[in-house]
C-alpha atoms as a PDB file:
ATOM      1  CA  MET A   1     -76.053 104.666  81.861  1.00  0.00           C
ATOM      2  CA  THR A   2     -74.817 102.962  78.708  1.00  0.00           C
ATOM      3  CA  SER A   3     -71.152 102.172  78.118  1.00  0.00           C
ATOM      4  CA  GLU A   4     -71.379 104.278  74.956  1.00  0.00           C
ATOM      5  CA  MET A   5     -72.464 107.334  76.955  1.00  0.00           C
ATOM      6  CA  SER A   6     -69.726 106.679  79.517  1.00  0.00           C
ATOM      7  CA  ASP A   7     -67.109 106.489  76.763  1.00  0.00           C
ATOM      8  CA  THR A   8     -68.467 109.699  75.207  1.00  0.00           C
ATOM      9  CA  LEU A   9     -68.225 111.555  78.515  1.00  0.00           C
ATOM     10  CA  GLU A  10     -64.713 110.261  79.183  1.00  0.00           C
ATOM     11  CA  GLN A  11     -63.682 111.484  75.729  1.00  0.00           C
ATOM     12  CA  ALA A  12     -65.360 114.822  76.424  1.00  0.00           C
ATOM     13  CA  MET A  13     -63.439 115.131  79.695  1.00  0.00           C
ATOM     14  CA  VAL A  14     -60.173 114.497  77.900  1.00  0.00           C
ATOM     15  CA  ARG A  15     -60.994 117.052  75.197  1.00  0.00           C
ATOM     16  CA  SER A  16     -62.271 119.662  77.632  1.00  0.00           C
ATOM     17  CA  GLY A  17     -59.480 119.286  80.153  1.00  0.00           C
ATOM     18  CA  GLY A  18     -61.356 117.561  82.970  1.00  0.00           C
ATOM     19  CA  LEU A  19     -64.423 117.508  85.146  1.00  0.00           C
ATOM     20  CA  ASP A  20     -64.566 121.248  85.835  1.00  0.00           C
ATOM     21  CA  THR A  21     -64.733 122.242  82.186  1.00  0.00           C
ATOM     22  CA  LEU A  22     -67.218 119.504  81.348  1.00  0.00           C
ATOM     23  CA  LEU A  23     -69.598 120.577  84.121  1.00  0.00           C
ATOM     24  CA  ARG A  24     -69.244 124.214  83.097  1.00  0.00           C
ATOM     25  CA  ASP A  25     -70.356 123.182  79.616  1.00  0.00           C
ATOM     26  CA  LEU A  26     -73.368 121.371  81.116  1.00  0.00           C
ATOM     27  CA  THR A  27     -74.479 124.459  83.050  1.00  0.00           C
ATOM     28  CA  ASP A  28     -74.241 126.561  79.888  1.00  0.00           C
ATOM     29  CA  ARG A  29     -76.394 123.974  78.139  1.00  0.00           C
ATOM     30  CA  GLY A  30     -78.850 124.120  81.026  1.00  0.00           C
ATOM     31  CA  VAL A  31     -79.445 127.801  80.386  1.00  0.00           C
ATOM     32  CA  ASP A  32     -80.238 126.989  76.758  1.00  0.00           C
ATOM     33  CA  ALA A  33     -82.417 124.001  77.626  1.00  0.00           C
ATOM     34  CA  VAL A  34     -84.694 125.629  80.231  1.00  0.00           C
ATOM     35  CA  PRO A  35     -86.923 128.512  79.108  1.00  0.00           C
ATOM     36  CA  GLY A  36     -86.463 131.579  81.274  1.00  0.00           C
ATOM     37  CA  ALA A  37     -83.151 130.476  82.790  1.00  0.00           C
ATOM     38  CA  ALA A  38     -80.553 133.240  82.911  1.00  0.00           C
ATOM     39  CA  ALA A  39     -78.005 131.223  84.889  1.00  0.00           C
ATOM     40  CA  CYS A  40     -77.416 127.670  86.085  1.00  0.00           C
ATOM     41  CA  SER A  41     -75.147 126.004  88.653  1.00  0.00           C
ATOM     42  CA  ILE A  42     -74.414 122.530  90.036  1.00  0.00           C
ATOM     43  CA  THR A  43     -74.089 121.941  93.777  1.00  0.00           C
ATOM     44  CA  VAL A  44     -72.535 118.802  95.306  1.00  0.00           C
ATOM     45  CA  ARG A  45     -71.704 117.966  98.912  1.00  0.00           C
ATOM     46  CA  ARG A  46     -68.056 117.038  99.383  1.00  0.00           C
ATOM     47  CA  GLY A  47     -67.200 115.877 102.867  1.00  0.00           C
ATOM     48  CA  ASP A  48     -69.035 118.098 105.323  1.00  0.00           C
ATOM     49  CA  ARG A  49     -69.817 121.040 103.053  1.00  0.00           C
ATOM     50  CA  LEU A  50     -71.642 121.979  99.896  1.00  0.00           C
ATOM     51  CA  LEU A  51     -69.658 123.269  96.923  1.00  0.00           C
ATOM     52  CA  THR A  52     -70.572 124.743  93.561  1.00  0.00           C
ATOM     53  CA  LEU A  53     -68.842 122.475  91.053  1.00  0.00           C
ATOM     54  CA  ALA A  54     -69.727 124.663  88.082  1.00  0.00           C
ATOM     55  CA  GLY A  55     -71.650 127.784  87.088  1.00  0.00           C
ATOM     56  CA  SER A  56     -72.742 129.055  83.705  1.00  0.00           C
ATOM     57  CA  ASP A  57     -71.844 132.311  82.024  1.00  0.00           C
ATOM     58  CA  GLY A  58     -73.883 135.051  83.648  1.00  0.00           C
ATOM     59  CA  MET A  59     -73.903 133.346  87.056  1.00  0.00           C
ATOM     60  CA  PRO A  60     -73.798 136.138  89.692  1.00  0.00           C
ATOM     61  CA  ASN A  61     -70.768 135.851  91.975  1.00  0.00           C
ATOM     62  CA  GLY A  62     -71.513 134.501  95.443  1.00  0.00           C
ATOM     63  CA  LEU A  63     -75.104 133.517  94.698  1.00  0.00           C
ATOM     64  CA  ASP A  64     -74.662 129.908  95.820  1.00  0.00           C
ATOM     65  CA  GLN A  65     -71.899 130.630  98.336  1.00  0.00           C
ATOM     66  CA  ARG A  66     -74.203 132.921 100.330  1.00  0.00           C
ATOM     67  CA  GLN A  67     -76.609 130.000 100.700  1.00  0.00           C
ATOM     68  CA  TYR A  68     -73.850 127.711 101.980  1.00  0.00           C
ATOM     69  CA  GLU A  69     -72.709 130.310 104.472  1.00  0.00           C
ATOM     70  CA  ASN A  70     -76.245 130.835 105.771  1.00  0.00           C
ATOM     71  CA  GLY A  71     -77.131 127.142 105.627  1.00  0.00           C
ATOM     72  CA  SER A  72     -80.341 128.160 103.924  1.00  0.00           C
ATOM     73  CA  GLY A  73     -81.534 128.620 100.359  1.00  0.00           C
ATOM     74  CA  PRO A  74     -83.137 126.752  97.463  1.00  0.00           C
ATOM     75  CA  CYS A  75     -80.074 124.752  96.361  1.00  0.00           C
ATOM     76  CA  VAL A  76     -79.199 123.875  99.985  1.00  0.00           C
ATOM     77  CA  ALA A  77     -82.769 122.681 100.591  1.00  0.00           C
ATOM     78  CA  ALA A  78     -82.868 120.685  97.335  1.00  0.00           C
ATOM     79  CA  ALA A  79     -79.509 119.014  98.027  1.00  0.00           C
ATOM     80  CA  GLU A  80     -80.210 118.225 101.676  1.00  0.00           C
ATOM     81  CA  THR A  81     -83.878 117.191 101.478  1.00  0.00           C
ATOM     82  CA  GLY A  82     -83.940 115.677  97.980  1.00  0.00           C
ATOM     83  CA  THR A  83     -87.041 117.694  97.104  1.00  0.00           C
ATOM     84  CA  GLU A  84     -87.618 120.238  94.357  1.00  0.00           C
ATOM     85  CA  GLN A  85     -87.536 123.884  95.436  1.00  0.00           C
ATOM     86  CA  TYR A  86     -89.300 126.566  93.411  1.00  0.00           C
ATOM     87  CA  SER A  87     -89.835 130.230  94.134  1.00  0.00           C
ATOM     88  CA  PRO A  88     -91.686 132.091  91.365  1.00  0.00           C
ATOM     89  CA  ASP A  89     -90.983 135.480  92.966  1.00  0.00           C
ATOM     90  CA  LEU A  90     -88.295 136.094  95.560  1.00  0.00           C
ATOM     91  CA  ALA A  91     -89.953 139.398  96.437  1.00  0.00           C
ATOM     92  CA  LEU A  92     -92.723 137.316  98.028  1.00  0.00           C
ATOM     93  CA  GLU A  93     -90.504 134.510  99.376  1.00  0.00           C
ATOM     94  CA  THR A  94     -90.334 133.901 103.160  1.00  0.00           C
ATOM     95  CA  ARG A  95     -88.489 130.549 103.416  1.00  0.00           C
ATOM     96  CA  TRP A  96     -84.839 131.563 103.137  1.00  0.00           C
ATOM     97  CA  GLY A  97     -84.382 134.676 105.216  1.00  0.00           C
ATOM     98  CA  ARG A  98     -81.666 137.118 104.199  1.00  0.00           C
ATOM     99  CA  TYR A  99     -80.629 135.035 101.212  1.00  0.00           C
ATOM    100  CA  THR A 100     -83.638 136.278  99.253  1.00  0.00           C
ATOM    101  CA  GLU A 101     -82.496 139.875  99.762  1.00  0.00           C
ATOM    102  CA  TYR A 102     -79.028 139.032  98.480  1.00  0.00           C
ATOM    103  CA  ALA A 103     -80.380 137.172  95.449  1.00  0.00           C
ATOM    104  CA  ARG A 104     -82.678 140.057  94.560  1.00  0.00           C
ATOM    105  CA  SER A 105     -79.771 142.518  94.893  1.00  0.00           C
ATOM    106  CA  ALA A 106     -77.933 140.324  92.337  1.00  0.00           C
ATOM    107  CA  GLY A 107     -80.847 140.669  89.914  1.00  0.00           C
ATOM    108  CA  VAL A 108     -82.486 137.277  90.582  1.00  0.00           C
ATOM    109  CA  ARG A 109     -86.277 137.117  90.986  1.00  0.00           C
ATOM    110  CA  CYS A 110     -87.118 133.480  90.256  1.00  0.00           C
ATOM    111  CA  VAL A 111     -85.336 130.287  91.417  1.00  0.00           C
ATOM    112  CA  LEU A 112     -85.737 126.581  90.656  1.00  0.00           C
ATOM    113  CA  ALA A 113     -83.498 124.004  92.401  1.00  0.00           C
ATOM    114  CA  LEU A 114     -83.747 120.300  91.600  1.00  0.00           C
ATOM    115  CA  PRO A 115     -82.062 117.472  93.552  1.00  0.00           C
ATOM    116  CA  LEU A 116     -79.565 115.257  91.713  1.00  0.00           C
ATOM    117  CA  GLU A 117     -79.009 111.601  92.548  1.00  0.00           C
ATOM    118  CA  VAL A 118     -75.219 111.357  92.628  1.00  0.00           C
ATOM    119  CA  ASP A 119     -73.451 108.138  93.630  1.00  0.00           C
ATOM    120  CA  GLY A 120     -71.165 108.398  96.625  1.00  0.00           C
ATOM    121  CA  GLU A 121     -72.345 111.893  97.576  1.00  0.00           C
ATOM    122  CA  THR A 122     -74.878 112.786 100.276  1.00  0.00           C
ATOM    123  CA  GLY A 123     -76.483 115.702  98.463  1.00  0.00           C
ATOM    124  CA  ALA A 124     -76.465 117.434  95.093  1.00  0.00           C
ATOM    125  CA  ALA A 125     -78.648 119.842  93.141  1.00  0.00           C
ATOM    126  CA  ILE A 126     -78.877 121.766  89.894  1.00  0.00           C
ATOM    127  CA  ASN A 127     -80.032 125.338  90.214  1.00  0.00           C
ATOM    128  CA  PHE A 128     -81.718 127.627  87.685  1.00  0.00           C
ATOM    129  CA  TYR A 129     -82.044 131.375  88.127  1.00  0.00           C
ATOM    130  CA  GLY A 130     -84.375 133.782  86.334  1.00  0.00           C
ATOM    131  CA  VAL A 131     -84.404 137.574  86.287  1.00  0.00           C
ATOM    132  CA  GLN A 132     -88.183 138.017  85.997  1.00  0.00           C
ATOM    133  CA  PRO A 133     -90.922 136.752  88.362  1.00  0.00           C
ATOM    134  CA  GLY A 134     -92.454 133.440  87.259  1.00  0.00           C
ATOM    135  CA  VAL A 135     -90.138 133.128  84.273  1.00  0.00           C
ATOM    136  CA  LEU A 136     -89.111 129.550  85.143  1.00  0.00           C
ATOM    137  CA  GLY A 137     -92.621 128.220  85.693  1.00  0.00           C
ATOM    138  CA  GLU A 138     -93.248 126.978  82.169  1.00  0.00           C
ATOM    139  CA  GLY A 139     -89.821 125.383  81.927  1.00  0.00           C
ATOM    140  CA  ARG A 140     -90.024 123.127  84.990  1.00  0.00           C
ATOM    141  CA  ASP A 141     -90.626 119.956  82.979  1.00  0.00           C
ATOM    142  CA  GLN A 142     -87.644 120.721  80.731  1.00  0.00           C
ATOM    143  CA  ALA A 143     -85.585 121.432  83.858  1.00  0.00           C
ATOM    144  CA  ARG A 144     -86.485 118.037  85.352  1.00  0.00           C
ATOM    145  CA  THR A 145     -85.565 116.250  82.134  1.00  0.00           C
ATOM    146  CA  PHE A 146     -82.274 118.106  81.962  1.00  0.00           C
ATOM    147  CA  ALA A 147     -81.562 117.418  85.659  1.00  0.00           C
ATOM    148  CA  ALA A 148     -81.882 113.657  85.050  1.00  0.00           C
ATOM    149  CA  ARG A 149     -79.348 113.890  82.214  1.00  0.00           C
ATOM    150  CA  VAL A 150     -76.994 115.965  84.349  1.00  0.00           C
ATOM    151  CA  ALA A 151     -77.173 113.460  87.243  1.00  0.00           C
ATOM    152  CA  ASP A 152     -76.078 110.690  84.855  1.00  0.00           C
ATOM    153  CA  ALA A 153     -73.280 112.846  83.481  1.00  0.00           C
ATOM    154  CA  VAL A 154     -72.065 113.916  86.925  1.00  0.00           C
ATOM    155  CA  ASN A 155     -72.049 110.283  88.082  1.00  0.00           C
ATOM    156  CA  VAL A 156     -69.921 109.230  85.117  1.00  0.00           C
ATOM    157  CA  ALA A 157     -67.637 112.258  85.374  1.00  0.00           C
ATOM    158  CA  LEU A 158     -67.041 111.818  89.100  1.00  0.00           C
ATOM    159  CA  GLY A 159     -66.402 108.123  88.499  1.00  0.00           C
ATOM    160  CA  VAL A 160     -63.718 108.997  85.952  1.00  0.00           C
ATOM    161  CA  GLU A 161     -62.133 111.431  88.411  1.00  0.00           C
ATOM    162  CA  ARG A 162     -62.187 108.836  91.197  1.00  0.00           C
ATOM    163  CA  ARG A 163     -60.495 106.267  88.961  1.00  0.00           C
ATOM    164  CA  ARG A 164     -57.812 108.784  88.043  1.00  0.00           C
ATOM    165  CA  GLU A 165     -57.242 109.654  91.709  1.00  0.00           C
ATOM    166  CA  SER A 166     -57.113 105.962  92.601  1.00  0.00           C
ATOM    167  CA  ALA A 167     -54.529 105.317  89.882  1.00  0.00           C
ATOM    168  CA  THR A 168     -52.466 108.243  91.179  1.00  0.00           C
ATOM    169  CA  ASP A 169     -52.690 106.871  94.724  1.00  0.00           C
ATOM    170  CA  VAL A 170     -51.509 103.463  93.504  1.00  0.00           C
ATOM    171  CA  ARG A 171     -48.559 105.000  91.644  1.00  0.00           C
ATOM    172  CA  THR A 172     -47.638 107.039  94.722  1.00  0.00           C
ATOM    173  CA  ALA A 173     -47.849 103.973  96.938  1.00  0.00           C
ATOM    174  CA  LEU A 174     -45.657 101.966  94.567  1.00  0.00           C
ATOM    175  CA  LEU A 175     -43.056 104.731  94.431  1.00  0.00           C
ATOM    176  CA  SER A 176     -43.090 104.978  98.220  1.00  0.00           C
ATOM    177  CA  ARG A 177     -42.670 101.218  98.581  1.00  0.00           C
ATOM    178  CA  SER A 178     -39.780 101.266  96.118  1.00  0.00           C
ATOM    179  CA  VAL A 179     -37.776 103.940  97.925  1.00  0.00           C
ATOM    180  CA  ILE A 180     -38.471 102.330 101.316  1.00  0.00           C
ATOM    181  CA  ASP A 181     -37.217  98.986  99.995  1.00  0.00           C
ATOM    182  CA  GLN A 182     -34.082 100.700  98.680  1.00  0.00           C
ATOM    183  CA  ALA A 183     -33.456 102.305 102.072  1.00  0.00           C
ATOM    184  CA  ILE A 184     -33.926  98.957 103.829  1.00  0.00           C
ATOM    185  CA  GLY A 185     -31.397  97.390 101.460  1.00  0.00           C
ATOM    186  CA  ILE A 186     -28.876 100.140 102.158  1.00  0.00           C
ATOM    187  CA  LEU A 187     -29.189  99.677 105.923  1.00  0.00           C
ATOM    188  CA  MET A 188     -28.973  95.887 105.613  1.00  0.00           C
ATOM    189  CA  ALA A 189     -25.728  96.172 103.645  1.00  0.00           C
ATOM    190  CA  HIS A 190     -24.195  98.894 105.798  1.00  0.00           C
ATOM    191  CA  GLU A 191     -25.216  97.673 109.248  1.00  0.00           C
ATOM    192  CA  ARG A 192     -25.255  93.939 108.422  1.00  0.00           C
ATOM    193  CA  ILE A 193     -28.768  93.497 109.805  1.00  0.00           C
ATOM    194  CA  ASP A 194     -31.889  91.793 108.490  1.00  0.00           C
ATOM    195  CA  ALA A 195     -34.829  93.514 106.748  1.00  0.00           C
ATOM    196  CA  ARG A 196     -37.089  93.468 109.834  1.00  0.00           C
ATOM    197  CA  LEU A 197     -34.532  95.239 112.026  1.00  0.00           C
ATOM    198  CA  ALA A 198     -33.710  97.716 109.238  1.00  0.00           C
ATOM    199  CA  MET A 199     -37.402  98.651 108.964  1.00  0.00           C
ATOM    200  CA  GLU A 200     -37.701  99.055 112.730  1.00  0.00           C
ATOM    201  CA  ARG A 201     -34.732 101.436 112.760  1.00  0.00           C
ATOM    202  CA  LEU A 202     -36.174 103.505 109.926  1.00  0.00           C
ATOM    203  CA  ARG A 203     -39.517 103.801 111.698  1.00  0.00           C
ATOM    204  CA  ARG A 204     -37.860 104.761 114.980  1.00  0.00           C
ATOM    205  CA  VAL A 205     -35.761 107.493 113.333  1.00  0.00           C
ATOM    206  CA  SER A 206     -38.830 108.711 111.438  1.00  0.00           C
ATOM    207  CA  GLN A 207     -40.723 109.102 114.714  1.00  0.00           C
ATOM    208  CA  ASP A 208     -37.827 110.632 116.615  1.00  0.00           C
ATOM    209  CA  ARG A 209     -37.191 113.241 113.909  1.00  0.00           C
ATOM    210  CA  ASN A 210     -40.908 113.745 113.146  1.00  0.00           C
ATOM    211  CA  VAL A 211     -40.193 113.085 109.470  1.00  0.00           C
ATOM    212  CA  LYS A 212     -42.393 111.023 107.164  1.00  0.00           C
ATOM    213  CA  LEU A 213     -40.968 107.565 106.538  1.00  0.00           C
ATOM    214  CA  ARG A 214     -40.858 108.041 102.770  1.00  0.00           C
ATOM    215  CA  ASP A 215     -39.075 111.404 103.105  1.00  0.00           C
ATOM    216  CA  LEU A 216     -36.516 109.854 105.449  1.00  0.00           C
ATOM    217  CA  CYS A 217     -35.920 107.005 103.002  1.00  0.00           C
ATOM    218  CA  ASP A 218     -35.626 109.483 100.118  1.00  0.00           C
ATOM    219  CA  GLN A 219     -32.863 111.291 102.028  1.00  0.00           C
ATOM    220  CA  LEU A 220     -31.047 108.062 102.832  1.00  0.00           C
ATOM    221  CA  VAL A 221     -31.182 106.818  99.230  1.00  0.00           C
ATOM    222  CA  ALA A 222     -30.071 110.218  97.906  1.00  0.00           C
ATOM    223  CA  ARG A 223     -27.103 110.275 100.285  1.00  0.00           C
ATOM    224  CA  ALA A 224     -26.091 106.765  99.341  1.00  0.00           C
ATOM    225  CA  THR A 225     -26.365 107.634  95.648  1.00  0.00           C
ATOM    226  CA  GLN A 226     -24.145 110.721  96.102  1.00  0.00           C
ATOM    227  CA  LEU A 227     -21.506 108.719  97.997  1.00  0.00           C
ATOM    228  CA  ALA A 228     -21.520 106.032  95.307  1.00  0.00           C
ATOM    229  CA  GLU A 229     -21.080 108.645  92.567  1.00  0.00           C
ATOM    230  CA  ARG A 230     -18.173 110.255  94.438  1.00  0.00           C
ATOM    231  CA  GLY A 231     -16.588 106.874  94.855  1.00  0.00           C
ATOM    232  CA  ARG A 232     -16.833 106.180  91.144  1.00  0.00           C
ATOM    233  CA  GLY A 233     -15.380 109.614  90.430  1.00  0.00           C
ATOM    234  CA  SER A 234     -12.345 109.046  92.665  1.00  0.00           C
ATOM    235  CA  ASP A 235     -11.612 105.707  90.957  1.00  0.00           C
ATOM    236  CA  ARG A 236     -11.224 107.343  87.540  1.00  0.00           C
END
């Protein structure tokens, strides 16, 4: 992945409004890029479950979700085994049990699912759906080429999201540390104790009241601020 491509994707995420919109655009492009594809979706494992990160226009509702619920289907198999899954005609398919019936009821007759190599995730796939038997057969090479491009894009996009989340976590931690330090200072001044003892008291009260330490410190700082403002008001 070149830095130029990474910069382009980061700019695209900013313009589009984030990862979700960018991936939706990629699935729409997938339909255009693969002959016979009527719909496209991207599956990624997050934690202990598979999720559809994006689906193209025309993607039947619940088509991927039914696979996740059953633990069986082409995109589940592609994501979990890392091997390409192709069914030219779901009317003749025997691998995925009741899922094939559901897919056919949604108008799908042909399925191609390709694994994606995504950093930091244990399984991912891009899925193409056709409405006629065998319609995706001639487009498998184009689908593989497109899948490689999507894996690169997803890696960059998820990396951008992780950096944003990390920056948010850092800001939150700094804010928490600031208010805790303020609360310690208030206790030190009011009780004439040192910082270590002030922190111990805050932790003990937090546990006794079953209140998060930061929330407790927020309350203490807010109360002290109100008292100080009243004091200034009475001096006028």
